[in-house]
């Protein structure tokens, strides 16, 4: 059975999985889910993800949700295909990948997501960006990126001198952030900026980014 991914490239979570699939050079079918029409809240999709959040992945009799879990599954199951995102042959490097994927999930994402929401999603809902929320989270994000800046002085990528799932997970939200006035939080840190320019130029992500248009149709 062909892998089926339910979602839309506009979604940060869907684009995270799409990038992983492309890095692994896998064949898959993208099944569009219309967020603006509320298809992700309807019974057919809720049967795949009871929380009503995209994406969901189907393979034979297995259905997965939560983008990081899906990406991890894909990287592990298809470790012999495409690019090695988990460093499966090196225990220490694999452990470092896991550390930095946790950092992205628990430190980076909670700070960057509200900023992107205020700049790009709130206007689609007819609201002005809340500068108080933006400023508070820019302060949090800056502290996280200070740690990144220090780390990236000694290694090319977050987990080491190799690109991995830890870097990939940062791509979707950072891509949107760089389209906002808050892009300076990355640009003013030279090692973070160089890291971003490197990972965002990978063919797998450039292919996904073509569909990441944050506009209401």
N, C-alpha and C. Protein backbone atom coordinates (compact mmCIF):
# COMPACT_ATOMS: atom_id res chain seq x y z
N UNK A 1 0.84 -1.19 0.00
CA UNK A 1 0.00 0.00 0.00
C UNK A 1 0.87 1.24 0.00
N UNK A 2 0.49 2.22 -0.80
CA UNK A 2 1.21 3.47 -0.87
C UNK A 2 0.97 4.27 0.41
N UNK A 3 2.01 4.92 0.89
CA UNK A 3 1.85 5.81 2.03
C UNK A 3 0.91 6.94 1.66
N UNK A 4 -0.06 7.21 2.54
CA UNK A 4 -1.00 8.31 2.31
C UNK A 4 -0.84 9.33 3.43
N UNK A 5 -0.57 10.57 3.04
CA UNK A 5 -0.45 11.64 4.01
C UNK A 5 -1.62 12.60 3.83
N UNK A 6 -2.39 12.77 4.89
CA UNK A 6 -3.55 13.66 4.87
C UNK A 6 -3.15 15.00 5.46
N UNK A 7 -3.29 16.06 4.67
CA UNK A 7 -2.93 17.38 5.17
C UNK A 7 -2.83 18.39 4.05
N UNK A 8 -2.15 19.49 4.33
CA UNK A 8 -1.93 20.53 3.34
C UNK A 8 -0.54 21.12 3.55
N UNK A 9 0.21 21.39 2.48
CA UNK A 9 1.56 21.92 2.62
C UNK A 9 1.62 23.25 3.38
N UNK A 10 0.54 23.99 3.40
CA UNK A 10 0.50 25.26 4.13
C UNK A 10 0.72 25.03 5.62
N UNK A 11 0.30 23.88 6.12
CA UNK A 11 0.41 23.54 7.54
C UNK A 11 1.86 23.25 7.91
N UNK A 12 2.33 23.83 9.00
CA UNK A 12 3.70 23.56 9.45
C UNK A 12 3.90 22.09 9.76
N UNK A 13 2.89 21.47 10.35
CA UNK A 13 3.02 20.06 10.73
C UNK A 13 3.06 19.16 9.50
N UNK A 14 2.20 19.45 8.53
CA UNK A 14 2.20 18.67 7.29
C UNK A 14 3.51 18.85 6.55
N UNK A 15 3.99 20.08 6.46
CA UNK A 15 5.22 20.33 5.71
C UNK A 15 6.42 19.68 6.38
N UNK A 16 6.37 19.53 7.70
CA UNK A 16 7.45 18.83 8.41
C UNK A 16 7.53 17.37 7.93
N UNK A 17 6.37 16.72 7.83
CA UNK A 17 6.35 15.32 7.38
C UNK A 17 6.69 15.24 5.90
N UNK A 18 6.18 16.15 5.10
CA UNK A 18 6.49 16.14 3.67
C UNK A 18 7.99 16.24 3.43
N UNK A 19 8.65 17.10 4.18
CA UNK A 19 10.10 17.25 4.03
C UNK A 19 10.81 15.96 4.37
N UNK A 20 10.36 15.29 5.42
CA UNK A 20 10.95 14.01 5.80
C UNK A 20 10.76 12.97 4.69
N UNK A 21 9.57 12.90 4.14
CA UNK A 21 9.28 11.95 3.08
C UNK A 21 10.17 12.18 1.86
N UNK A 22 10.37 13.46 1.52
CA UNK A 22 11.22 13.78 0.37
C UNK A 22 12.68 13.47 0.67
N UNK A 23 13.13 13.75 1.90
CA UNK A 23 14.51 13.43 2.26
C UNK A 23 14.77 11.93 2.17
N UNK A 24 13.73 11.14 2.44
CA UNK A 24 13.87 9.69 2.39
C UNK A 24 13.59 9.13 1.00
N UNK A 25 13.31 10.01 0.04
CA UNK A 25 13.08 9.60 -1.36
C UNK A 25 11.98 8.56 -1.47
N UNK A 26 10.87 8.79 -0.78
CA UNK A 26 9.78 7.83 -0.74
C UNK A 26 8.62 8.23 -1.66
N UNK A 27 7.95 7.23 -2.17
CA UNK A 27 6.72 7.47 -2.92
C UNK A 27 5.56 7.57 -1.92
N UNK A 28 4.71 8.55 -2.11
CA UNK A 28 3.57 8.72 -1.22
C UNK A 28 2.47 9.50 -1.94
N UNK A 29 1.29 9.45 -1.37
CA UNK A 29 0.16 10.20 -1.91
C UNK A 29 -0.24 11.25 -0.89
N UNK A 30 -0.30 12.50 -1.32
CA UNK A 30 -0.78 13.57 -0.45
C UNK A 30 -2.27 13.75 -0.68
N UNK A 31 -3.06 13.51 0.35
CA UNK A 31 -4.51 13.66 0.28
C UNK A 31 -4.87 15.00 0.90
N UNK A 32 -5.33 15.97 0.09
CA UNK A 32 -5.59 17.32 0.60
C UNK A 32 -6.71 17.34 1.64
N UNK A 33 -6.49 18.12 2.69
CA UNK A 33 -7.50 18.38 3.71
C UNK A 33 -7.69 19.89 3.78
N UNK A 34 -8.89 20.35 3.50
CA UNK A 34 -9.18 21.79 3.44
C UNK A 34 -9.42 22.33 4.85
N UNK A 35 -8.43 23.03 5.39
CA UNK A 35 -8.56 23.58 6.73
C UNK A 35 -9.63 24.65 6.82
N UNK A 36 -9.69 25.51 5.81
CA UNK A 36 -10.64 26.62 5.84
C UNK A 36 -12.08 26.14 5.74
N UNK A 37 -12.27 24.97 5.13
CA UNK A 37 -13.62 24.39 5.05
C UNK A 37 -13.91 23.52 6.27
N UNK A 38 -12.92 23.36 7.14
CA UNK A 38 -13.12 22.59 8.36
C UNK A 38 -13.14 21.09 8.16
N UNK A 39 -12.53 20.60 7.07
CA UNK A 39 -12.55 19.16 6.81
C UNK A 39 -11.84 18.37 7.91
N UNK A 40 -10.86 19.00 8.57
CA UNK A 40 -10.11 18.29 9.62
C UNK A 40 -10.94 18.08 10.88
N UNK A 41 -12.11 18.72 10.94
CA UNK A 41 -13.00 18.57 12.10
C UNK A 41 -14.19 17.65 11.80
N UNK A 42 -14.19 17.09 10.60
CA UNK A 42 -15.30 16.22 10.19
C UNK A 42 -14.99 14.75 10.51
N UNK A 43 -16.03 13.91 10.70
CA UNK A 43 -15.84 12.51 11.10
C UNK A 43 -14.83 11.71 10.28
N UNK A 44 -14.81 11.84 8.94
CA UNK A 44 -13.84 11.03 8.18
C UNK A 44 -12.39 11.29 8.60
N UNK A 45 -12.07 12.55 8.86
CA UNK A 45 -10.70 12.83 9.29
C UNK A 45 -10.50 12.55 10.77
N UNK A 46 -11.50 12.82 11.58
CA UNK A 46 -11.39 12.56 13.02
C UNK A 46 -11.16 11.08 13.30
N UNK A 47 -11.59 10.23 12.38
CA UNK A 47 -11.33 8.80 12.54
C UNK A 47 -9.84 8.49 12.40
N UNK A 48 -9.11 9.39 11.74
CA UNK A 48 -7.67 9.21 11.57
C UNK A 48 -6.89 9.94 12.67
N UNK A 49 -7.39 11.11 13.06
CA UNK A 49 -6.76 11.88 14.14
C UNK A 49 -7.87 12.43 15.03
N UNK A 50 -8.10 11.85 16.18
CA UNK A 50 -9.22 12.24 17.04
C UNK A 50 -9.11 13.65 17.58
N UNK A 51 -7.93 14.28 17.46
CA UNK A 51 -7.76 15.65 17.93
C UNK A 51 -8.07 16.68 16.84
N UNK A 52 -8.36 16.19 15.64
CA UNK A 52 -8.75 17.09 14.57
C UNK A 52 -7.65 18.02 14.11
N UNK A 53 -6.42 17.53 14.13
CA UNK A 53 -5.28 18.33 13.70
C UNK A 53 -4.51 17.55 12.64
N UNK A 54 -4.18 18.22 11.55
CA UNK A 54 -3.41 17.55 10.50
C UNK A 54 -1.92 17.59 10.85
N UNK A 55 -1.17 16.61 10.33
CA UNK A 55 -1.52 15.59 9.35
C UNK A 55 -1.85 14.26 10.01
N UNK A 56 -2.18 13.30 9.14
CA UNK A 56 -2.30 11.90 9.54
C UNK A 56 -1.66 11.08 8.43
N UNK A 57 -1.03 9.97 8.82
CA UNK A 57 -0.37 9.11 7.85
C UNK A 57 -0.97 7.72 7.92
N UNK A 58 -1.29 7.18 6.75
CA UNK A 58 -1.81 5.81 6.67
C UNK A 58 -0.83 4.93 5.90
N UNK A 59 -0.59 3.75 6.45
CA UNK A 59 0.21 2.74 5.77
C UNK A 59 -0.35 1.38 6.13
N UNK A 60 -0.89 0.69 5.15
CA UNK A 60 -1.52 -0.61 5.39
C UNK A 60 -2.54 -0.48 6.52
N UNK A 61 -2.34 -1.21 7.63
CA UNK A 61 -3.32 -1.17 8.71
C UNK A 61 -2.87 -0.23 9.85
N UNK A 62 -1.91 0.65 9.55
CA UNK A 62 -1.39 1.57 10.56
C UNK A 62 -1.80 3.00 10.23
N UNK A 63 -2.30 3.71 11.23
CA UNK A 63 -2.61 5.14 11.09
C UNK A 63 -1.90 5.89 12.20
N UNK A 64 -1.14 6.91 11.82
CA UNK A 64 -0.40 7.71 12.78
C UNK A 64 -0.81 9.17 12.69
N UNK A 65 -0.72 9.87 13.84
CA UNK A 65 -0.88 11.32 13.83
C UNK A 65 0.19 11.92 14.73
N UNK A 66 0.29 13.24 14.75
CA UNK A 66 1.36 14.01 15.38
C UNK A 66 2.59 13.98 14.47
N UNK A 67 2.92 15.15 13.92
CA UNK A 67 3.92 15.23 12.86
C UNK A 67 5.30 14.73 13.26
N UNK A 68 5.73 15.03 14.49
CA UNK A 68 7.07 14.58 14.89
C UNK A 68 7.12 13.06 15.04
N UNK A 69 6.04 12.48 15.53
CA UNK A 69 5.98 11.03 15.65
C UNK A 69 5.98 10.38 14.27
N UNK A 70 5.26 10.99 13.33
CA UNK A 70 5.23 10.46 11.97
C UNK A 70 6.61 10.53 11.34
N UNK A 71 7.26 11.69 11.47
CA UNK A 71 8.60 11.86 10.88
C UNK A 71 9.58 10.87 11.48
N UNK A 72 9.51 10.66 12.78
CA UNK A 72 10.40 9.71 13.44
C UNK A 72 10.16 8.30 12.93
N UNK A 73 8.89 7.93 12.77
CA UNK A 73 8.55 6.60 12.26
C UNK A 73 9.09 6.41 10.84
N UNK A 74 8.87 7.40 10.00
CA UNK A 74 9.34 7.32 8.61
C UNK A 74 10.86 7.21 8.57
N UNK A 75 11.54 8.03 9.37
CA UNK A 75 13.00 8.03 9.37
C UNK A 75 13.56 6.70 9.86
N UNK A 76 12.87 6.08 10.82
CA UNK A 76 13.33 4.81 11.37
C UNK A 76 12.99 3.64 10.45
N UNK A 77 11.76 3.57 10.00
CA UNK A 77 11.36 2.42 9.18
C UNK A 77 12.10 2.38 7.85
N UNK A 78 12.31 3.57 7.27
CA UNK A 78 12.95 3.63 5.96
C UNK A 78 14.38 4.15 6.08
N UNK A 79 15.08 3.73 7.13
CA UNK A 79 16.42 4.24 7.39
C UNK A 79 17.41 3.87 6.29
N UNK A 80 17.09 2.85 5.52
CA UNK A 80 17.98 2.46 4.44
C UNK A 80 17.74 3.22 3.15
N UNK A 81 16.73 4.08 3.14
CA UNK A 81 16.38 4.83 1.94
C UNK A 81 16.71 6.30 2.12
N UNK A 82 17.14 6.93 1.05
CA UNK A 82 17.37 8.36 1.09
C UNK A 82 18.42 8.77 2.11
N UNK A 83 18.20 9.95 2.70
CA UNK A 83 19.16 10.52 3.64
C UNK A 83 18.92 10.00 5.05
N UNK A 84 20.00 9.67 5.76
CA UNK A 84 19.89 9.17 7.13
C UNK A 84 19.64 10.34 8.08
N UNK A 85 18.42 10.46 8.57
CA UNK A 85 18.03 11.58 9.42
C UNK A 85 18.18 11.28 10.91
N UNK A 86 18.47 10.05 11.27
CA UNK A 86 18.51 9.68 12.69
C UNK A 86 19.85 9.11 13.14
N UNK A 87 20.81 9.00 12.23
CA UNK A 87 22.15 8.50 12.54
C UNK A 87 22.07 7.12 13.21
N UNK A 88 21.35 6.22 12.57
CA UNK A 88 21.02 4.94 13.19
C UNK A 88 22.23 4.04 13.42
N UNK A 89 23.35 4.32 12.78
CA UNK A 89 24.53 3.46 12.96
C UNK A 89 25.49 3.98 14.03
N UNK A 90 25.15 5.11 14.65
CA UNK A 90 26.02 5.70 15.66
C UNK A 90 25.18 6.07 16.88
N UNK A 91 25.33 5.33 17.96
CA UNK A 91 24.47 5.51 19.13
C UNK A 91 24.58 6.90 19.73
N UNK A 92 25.80 7.43 19.83
CA UNK A 92 25.98 8.75 20.42
C UNK A 92 25.37 9.85 19.54
N UNK A 93 25.58 9.73 18.25
CA UNK A 93 25.01 10.73 17.34
C UNK A 93 23.49 10.64 17.33
N UNK A 94 22.97 9.42 17.37
CA UNK A 94 21.51 9.23 17.41
C UNK A 94 20.93 9.83 18.68
N UNK A 95 21.64 9.69 19.79
CA UNK A 95 21.18 10.28 21.04
C UNK A 95 21.17 11.79 20.96
N UNK A 96 22.17 12.37 20.32
CA UNK A 96 22.22 13.82 20.15
C UNK A 96 21.07 14.32 19.30
N UNK A 97 20.72 13.56 18.27
CA UNK A 97 19.56 13.91 17.44
C UNK A 97 18.30 13.96 18.30
N UNK A 98 18.13 12.98 19.16
CA UNK A 98 16.94 12.94 20.02
C UNK A 98 16.90 14.12 20.98
N UNK A 99 18.07 14.48 21.52
CA UNK A 99 18.13 15.63 22.43
C UNK A 99 17.64 16.89 21.75
N UNK A 100 18.15 17.14 20.55
CA UNK A 100 17.81 18.40 19.89
C UNK A 100 16.42 18.39 19.26
N UNK A 101 15.87 17.23 18.96
CA UNK A 101 14.47 17.20 18.55
C UNK A 101 13.57 17.54 19.74
N UNK A 102 13.99 17.13 20.93
CA UNK A 102 13.24 17.50 22.14
C UNK A 102 13.35 19.00 22.40
N UNK A 103 14.51 19.57 22.17
CA UNK A 103 14.69 21.01 22.35
C UNK A 103 13.75 21.77 21.41
N UNK A 104 13.70 21.33 20.17
CA UNK A 104 12.80 22.00 19.21
C UNK A 104 11.36 21.93 19.68
N UNK A 105 10.94 20.77 20.14
CA UNK A 105 9.55 20.56 20.54
C UNK A 105 9.18 21.35 21.78
N UNK A 106 10.07 21.38 22.78
CA UNK A 106 9.71 21.93 24.09
C UNK A 106 10.23 23.35 24.34
N UNK A 107 11.21 23.80 23.56
CA UNK A 107 11.78 25.14 23.78
C UNK A 107 11.53 26.07 22.60
N UNK A 108 11.85 25.58 21.40
CA UNK A 108 11.78 26.42 20.21
C UNK A 108 10.35 26.62 19.74
N UNK A 109 9.63 25.52 19.56
CA UNK A 109 8.28 25.60 19.02
C UNK A 109 7.33 26.45 19.87
N UNK A 110 7.30 26.30 21.20
CA UNK A 110 6.38 27.11 22.01
C UNK A 110 6.64 28.61 21.90
N UNK A 111 7.87 29.00 21.59
CA UNK A 111 8.19 30.42 21.46
C UNK A 111 7.89 30.96 20.07
N UNK A 112 8.22 30.19 19.04
CA UNK A 112 8.07 30.69 17.67
C UNK A 112 6.63 30.62 17.16
N UNK A 113 5.88 29.61 17.60
CA UNK A 113 4.52 29.41 17.08
C UNK A 113 3.61 30.61 17.32
N UNK A 114 3.57 31.20 18.52
CA UNK A 114 2.69 32.35 18.73
C UNK A 114 3.08 33.57 17.89
N UNK A 115 4.37 33.71 17.60
CA UNK A 115 4.83 34.83 16.78
C UNK A 115 4.30 34.69 15.36
N UNK A 116 4.48 33.50 14.80
CA UNK A 116 4.00 33.24 13.44
C UNK A 116 2.48 33.38 13.39
N UNK A 117 1.80 32.89 14.42
CA UNK A 117 0.34 32.99 14.46
C UNK A 117 -0.10 34.45 14.41
N UNK A 118 0.51 35.27 15.22
CA UNK A 118 0.10 36.68 15.27
C UNK A 118 0.35 37.40 13.96
N UNK A 119 1.47 37.13 13.33
CA UNK A 119 1.79 37.82 12.08
C UNK A 119 1.01 37.30 10.88
N UNK A 120 0.79 35.99 10.81
CA UNK A 120 0.25 35.40 9.59
C UNK A 120 -1.17 34.83 9.71
N UNK A 121 -1.52 34.29 10.86
CA UNK A 121 -2.83 33.67 11.00
C UNK A 121 -3.88 34.66 11.49
N UNK A 122 -3.53 35.46 12.48
CA UNK A 122 -4.49 36.42 13.03
C UNK A 122 -5.12 37.31 11.95
N UNK A 123 -4.34 37.83 11.00
CA UNK A 123 -4.96 38.65 9.94
C UNK A 123 -5.97 37.88 9.09
N UNK A 124 -5.73 36.58 8.91
CA UNK A 124 -6.68 35.77 8.15
C UNK A 124 -7.99 35.62 8.89
N UNK A 125 -7.94 35.80 10.20
CA UNK A 125 -9.13 35.71 11.04
C UNK A 125 -9.75 37.08 11.29
N UNK A 126 -9.22 38.09 10.62
CA UNK A 126 -9.76 39.43 10.75
C UNK A 126 -9.24 40.20 11.94
N UNK A 127 -8.13 39.74 12.53
CA UNK A 127 -7.58 40.39 13.71
C UNK A 127 -6.22 41.02 13.42
N UNK A 128 -5.90 42.06 14.17
CA UNK A 128 -4.58 42.66 14.07
C UNK A 128 -3.60 41.87 14.94
N UNK A 129 -2.35 41.79 14.52
CA UNK A 129 -1.35 41.11 15.36
C UNK A 129 -1.26 41.77 16.73
N UNK A 130 -1.15 40.96 17.76
CA UNK A 130 -1.03 41.45 19.13
C UNK A 130 0.46 41.62 19.44
N UNK A 131 0.91 42.86 19.48
CA UNK A 131 2.33 43.12 19.66
C UNK A 131 2.83 42.68 21.03
N UNK A 132 1.94 42.69 22.03
CA UNK A 132 2.34 42.24 23.35
C UNK A 132 2.74 40.76 23.33
N UNK A 133 1.93 39.95 22.64
CA UNK A 133 2.24 38.52 22.51
C UNK A 133 3.50 38.32 21.70
N UNK A 134 3.65 39.08 20.63
CA UNK A 134 4.84 38.97 19.79
C UNK A 134 6.10 39.29 20.59
N UNK A 135 6.07 40.39 21.32
CA UNK A 135 7.26 40.82 22.07
C UNK A 135 7.63 39.81 23.15
N UNK A 136 6.62 39.30 23.86
CA UNK A 136 6.89 38.34 24.93
C UNK A 136 7.55 37.08 24.40
N UNK A 137 7.06 36.62 23.26
CA UNK A 137 7.60 35.38 22.70
C UNK A 137 8.91 35.59 21.94
N UNK A 138 9.11 36.80 21.43
CA UNK A 138 10.41 37.10 20.83
C UNK A 138 11.51 37.06 21.88
N UNK A 139 11.19 37.50 23.08
CA UNK A 139 12.16 37.43 24.16
C UNK A 139 12.50 35.97 24.48
N UNK A 140 11.47 35.12 24.53
CA UNK A 140 11.70 33.69 24.79
C UNK A 140 12.50 33.06 23.66
N UNK A 141 12.11 33.38 22.43
CA UNK A 141 12.79 32.79 21.27
C UNK A 141 14.25 33.24 21.22
N UNK A 142 14.48 34.50 21.55
CA UNK A 142 15.85 35.01 21.56
C UNK A 142 16.74 34.24 22.51
N UNK A 143 16.22 33.89 23.67
CA UNK A 143 17.00 33.13 24.65
C UNK A 143 17.33 31.73 24.12
N UNK A 144 16.37 31.13 23.44
CA UNK A 144 16.62 29.82 22.84
C UNK A 144 17.68 29.93 21.75
N UNK A 145 17.56 30.95 20.92
CA UNK A 145 18.50 31.12 19.82
C UNK A 145 19.89 31.51 20.31
N UNK A 146 19.99 32.09 21.48
CA UNK A 146 21.31 32.34 22.06
C UNK A 146 22.02 31.02 22.33
N UNK A 147 21.27 30.04 22.80
CA UNK A 147 21.83 28.70 23.02
C UNK A 147 22.23 28.08 21.69
N UNK A 148 21.37 28.25 20.67
CA UNK A 148 21.68 27.72 19.35
C UNK A 148 22.95 28.36 18.79
N UNK A 149 23.04 29.68 18.94
CA UNK A 149 24.21 30.40 18.43
C UNK A 149 25.49 29.85 19.03
N UNK A 150 25.46 29.62 20.34
CA UNK A 150 26.64 29.07 21.00
C UNK A 150 26.94 27.65 20.51
N UNK A 151 25.91 26.83 20.36
CA UNK A 151 26.10 25.45 19.89
C UNK A 151 26.65 25.43 18.48
N UNK A 152 26.16 26.30 17.63
CA UNK A 152 26.53 26.28 16.22
C UNK A 152 27.89 26.90 15.94
N UNK A 153 28.55 27.38 16.99
CA UNK A 153 29.95 27.80 16.82
C UNK A 153 30.89 26.59 16.80
N UNK A 154 30.40 25.47 17.30
CA UNK A 154 31.25 24.28 17.39
C UNK A 154 30.82 23.15 16.46
N UNK A 155 29.58 23.17 16.00
CA UNK A 155 29.11 22.15 15.05
C UNK A 155 28.32 22.83 13.95
N UNK A 156 28.29 22.21 12.78
CA UNK A 156 27.60 22.81 11.64
C UNK A 156 26.09 22.75 11.80
N UNK A 157 25.62 21.67 12.42
CA UNK A 157 24.18 21.50 12.64
C UNK A 157 23.93 21.29 14.13
N UNK A 158 22.69 21.22 14.54
CA UNK A 158 22.39 21.19 15.96
C UNK A 158 22.90 19.93 16.67
N UNK A 159 22.72 18.77 16.05
CA UNK A 159 23.12 17.53 16.70
C UNK A 159 24.58 17.16 16.45
N UNK A 160 25.24 17.87 15.55
CA UNK A 160 26.62 17.57 15.21
C UNK A 160 26.96 18.12 13.84
N UNK A 161 27.97 17.58 13.21
CA UNK A 161 28.36 18.04 11.87
C UNK A 161 27.62 17.27 10.78
N UNK A 162 26.36 17.03 11.03
CA UNK A 162 25.52 16.30 10.08
C UNK A 162 24.08 16.82 10.21
N UNK A 163 23.42 16.92 9.07
CA UNK A 163 22.01 17.32 9.04
C UNK A 163 21.18 16.16 9.55
N UNK A 164 20.14 16.46 10.33
CA UNK A 164 19.33 15.39 10.90
C UNK A 164 17.89 15.85 11.12
N UNK A 165 17.11 14.94 11.68
CA UNK A 165 15.73 15.24 12.01
C UNK A 165 15.64 16.45 12.94
N UNK A 166 16.66 16.64 13.77
CA UNK A 166 16.67 17.77 14.70
C UNK A 166 16.62 19.10 13.94
N UNK A 167 17.34 19.20 12.85
CA UNK A 167 17.32 20.42 12.03
C UNK A 167 16.03 20.51 11.23
N UNK A 168 15.66 19.38 10.65
CA UNK A 168 14.46 19.34 9.80
C UNK A 168 13.22 19.84 10.54
N UNK A 169 13.07 19.48 11.80
CA UNK A 169 11.88 19.87 12.55
C UNK A 169 11.72 21.39 12.66
N UNK A 170 12.82 22.11 12.55
CA UNK A 170 12.77 23.56 12.67
C UNK A 170 12.31 24.27 11.40
N UNK A 171 12.32 23.57 10.29
CA UNK A 171 12.12 24.22 9.00
C UNK A 171 10.79 24.95 8.83
N UNK A 172 9.64 24.32 9.09
CA UNK A 172 8.38 24.98 8.74
C UNK A 172 8.13 26.32 9.44
N UNK A 173 8.24 26.33 10.76
CA UNK A 173 7.96 27.57 11.47
C UNK A 173 9.01 28.65 11.18
N UNK A 174 10.26 28.25 11.05
CA UNK A 174 11.30 29.23 10.76
C UNK A 174 11.09 29.83 9.37
N UNK A 175 10.64 29.02 8.45
CA UNK A 175 10.35 29.50 7.10
C UNK A 175 9.33 30.64 7.14
N UNK A 176 8.28 30.44 7.91
CA UNK A 176 7.27 31.49 8.02
C UNK A 176 7.79 32.69 8.81
N UNK A 177 8.53 32.43 9.87
CA UNK A 177 9.09 33.53 10.66
C UNK A 177 9.93 34.46 9.80
N UNK A 178 10.69 33.88 8.86
CA UNK A 178 11.58 34.68 8.03
C UNK A 178 10.83 35.55 7.03
N UNK A 179 9.53 35.40 6.95
CA UNK A 179 8.70 36.25 6.10
C UNK A 179 8.06 37.38 6.91
N UNK A 180 8.43 37.51 8.16
CA UNK A 180 7.85 38.52 9.04
C UNK A 180 8.94 39.49 9.52
N UNK A 181 8.53 40.61 10.13
CA UNK A 181 9.52 41.54 10.68
C UNK A 181 10.39 40.91 11.78
N UNK A 182 9.94 39.80 12.35
CA UNK A 182 10.68 39.12 13.41
C UNK A 182 11.87 38.33 12.88
N UNK A 183 12.08 38.33 11.56
CA UNK A 183 13.21 37.59 10.97
C UNK A 183 14.54 38.06 11.53
N UNK A 184 14.57 39.25 12.07
CA UNK A 184 15.82 39.80 12.62
C UNK A 184 16.35 38.94 13.76
N UNK A 185 15.47 38.23 14.46
CA UNK A 185 15.92 37.40 15.58
C UNK A 185 16.85 36.28 15.11
N UNK A 186 16.70 35.88 13.85
CA UNK A 186 17.61 34.91 13.23
C UNK A 186 18.78 35.63 12.57
N UNK A 187 18.49 36.67 11.82
CA UNK A 187 19.53 37.34 11.03
C UNK A 187 20.62 37.99 11.87
N UNK A 188 20.29 38.38 13.09
CA UNK A 188 21.29 39.06 13.93
C UNK A 188 22.23 38.09 14.64
N UNK A 189 22.01 36.80 14.46
CA UNK A 189 22.89 35.78 15.04
C UNK A 189 23.57 35.05 13.89
N UNK A 190 24.84 35.36 13.61
CA UNK A 190 25.50 34.88 12.39
C UNK A 190 25.53 33.37 12.20
N UNK A 191 25.76 32.62 13.27
CA UNK A 191 25.81 31.16 13.12
C UNK A 191 24.42 30.58 12.91
N UNK A 192 23.43 31.14 13.58
CA UNK A 192 22.05 30.70 13.37
C UNK A 192 21.61 31.03 11.95
N UNK A 193 21.96 32.21 11.49
CA UNK A 193 21.59 32.61 10.12
C UNK A 193 22.22 31.68 9.09
N UNK A 194 23.50 31.36 9.27
CA UNK A 194 24.18 30.46 8.33
C UNK A 194 23.55 29.08 8.36
N UNK A 195 23.22 28.62 9.55
CA UNK A 195 22.54 27.32 9.70
C UNK A 195 21.20 27.33 8.98
N UNK A 196 20.43 28.40 9.18
CA UNK A 196 19.12 28.49 8.53
C UNK A 196 19.26 28.49 7.01
N UNK A 197 20.18 29.28 6.50
CA UNK A 197 20.35 29.35 5.05
C UNK A 197 20.77 28.00 4.48
N UNK A 198 21.54 27.25 5.25
CA UNK A 198 21.96 25.92 4.82
C UNK A 198 20.77 24.96 4.77
N UNK A 199 20.07 24.80 5.87
CA UNK A 199 19.02 23.77 5.93
C UNK A 199 17.83 24.13 5.03
N UNK A 200 17.56 25.41 4.87
CA UNK A 200 16.41 25.81 4.04
C UNK A 200 16.70 25.72 2.55
N UNK A 201 17.98 25.50 2.20
CA UNK A 201 18.34 25.40 0.78
C UNK A 201 18.38 23.95 0.29
N UNK A 202 18.08 23.00 1.19
CA UNK A 202 18.09 21.60 0.78
C UNK A 202 16.95 21.33 -0.22
N UNK A 203 17.21 20.55 -1.26
CA UNK A 203 16.20 20.29 -2.29
C UNK A 203 14.87 19.78 -1.74
N UNK A 204 14.92 18.91 -0.73
CA UNK A 204 13.69 18.34 -0.18
C UNK A 204 12.78 19.43 0.38
N UNK A 205 13.37 20.37 1.12
CA UNK A 205 12.54 21.42 1.70
C UNK A 205 12.13 22.45 0.65
N UNK A 206 12.99 22.76 -0.29
CA UNK A 206 12.63 23.72 -1.33
C UNK A 206 11.42 23.22 -2.11
N UNK A 207 11.34 21.92 -2.30
CA UNK A 207 10.20 21.33 -2.99
C UNK A 207 8.92 21.54 -2.18
N UNK A 208 9.02 21.35 -0.86
CA UNK A 208 7.86 21.51 0.02
C UNK A 208 7.46 22.98 0.12
N UNK A 209 8.45 23.85 0.21
CA UNK A 209 8.20 25.28 0.40
C UNK A 209 7.39 25.89 -0.73
N UNK A 210 7.46 25.27 -1.90
CA UNK A 210 6.68 25.77 -3.04
C UNK A 210 5.18 25.80 -2.73
N UNK A 211 4.74 24.90 -1.85
CA UNK A 211 3.31 24.84 -1.52
C UNK A 211 2.96 25.52 -0.21
N UNK A 212 3.95 26.15 0.44
CA UNK A 212 3.70 26.77 1.74
C UNK A 212 3.28 28.22 1.57
N UNK A 213 2.07 28.41 1.11
CA UNK A 213 1.52 29.74 0.90
C UNK A 213 0.44 30.00 1.93
N UNK A 214 0.75 30.85 2.92
CA UNK A 214 -0.15 31.08 4.04
C UNK A 214 -1.21 32.09 3.64
N UNK A 215 -2.11 31.68 2.78
CA UNK A 215 -3.19 32.56 2.33
C UNK A 215 -4.49 31.80 2.36
N UNK A 216 -5.55 32.52 2.62
CA UNK A 216 -6.88 31.93 2.62
C UNK A 216 -7.45 31.98 1.22
N UNK A 217 -7.82 30.82 0.70
CA UNK A 217 -8.36 30.77 -0.66
C UNK A 217 -9.84 31.04 -0.66
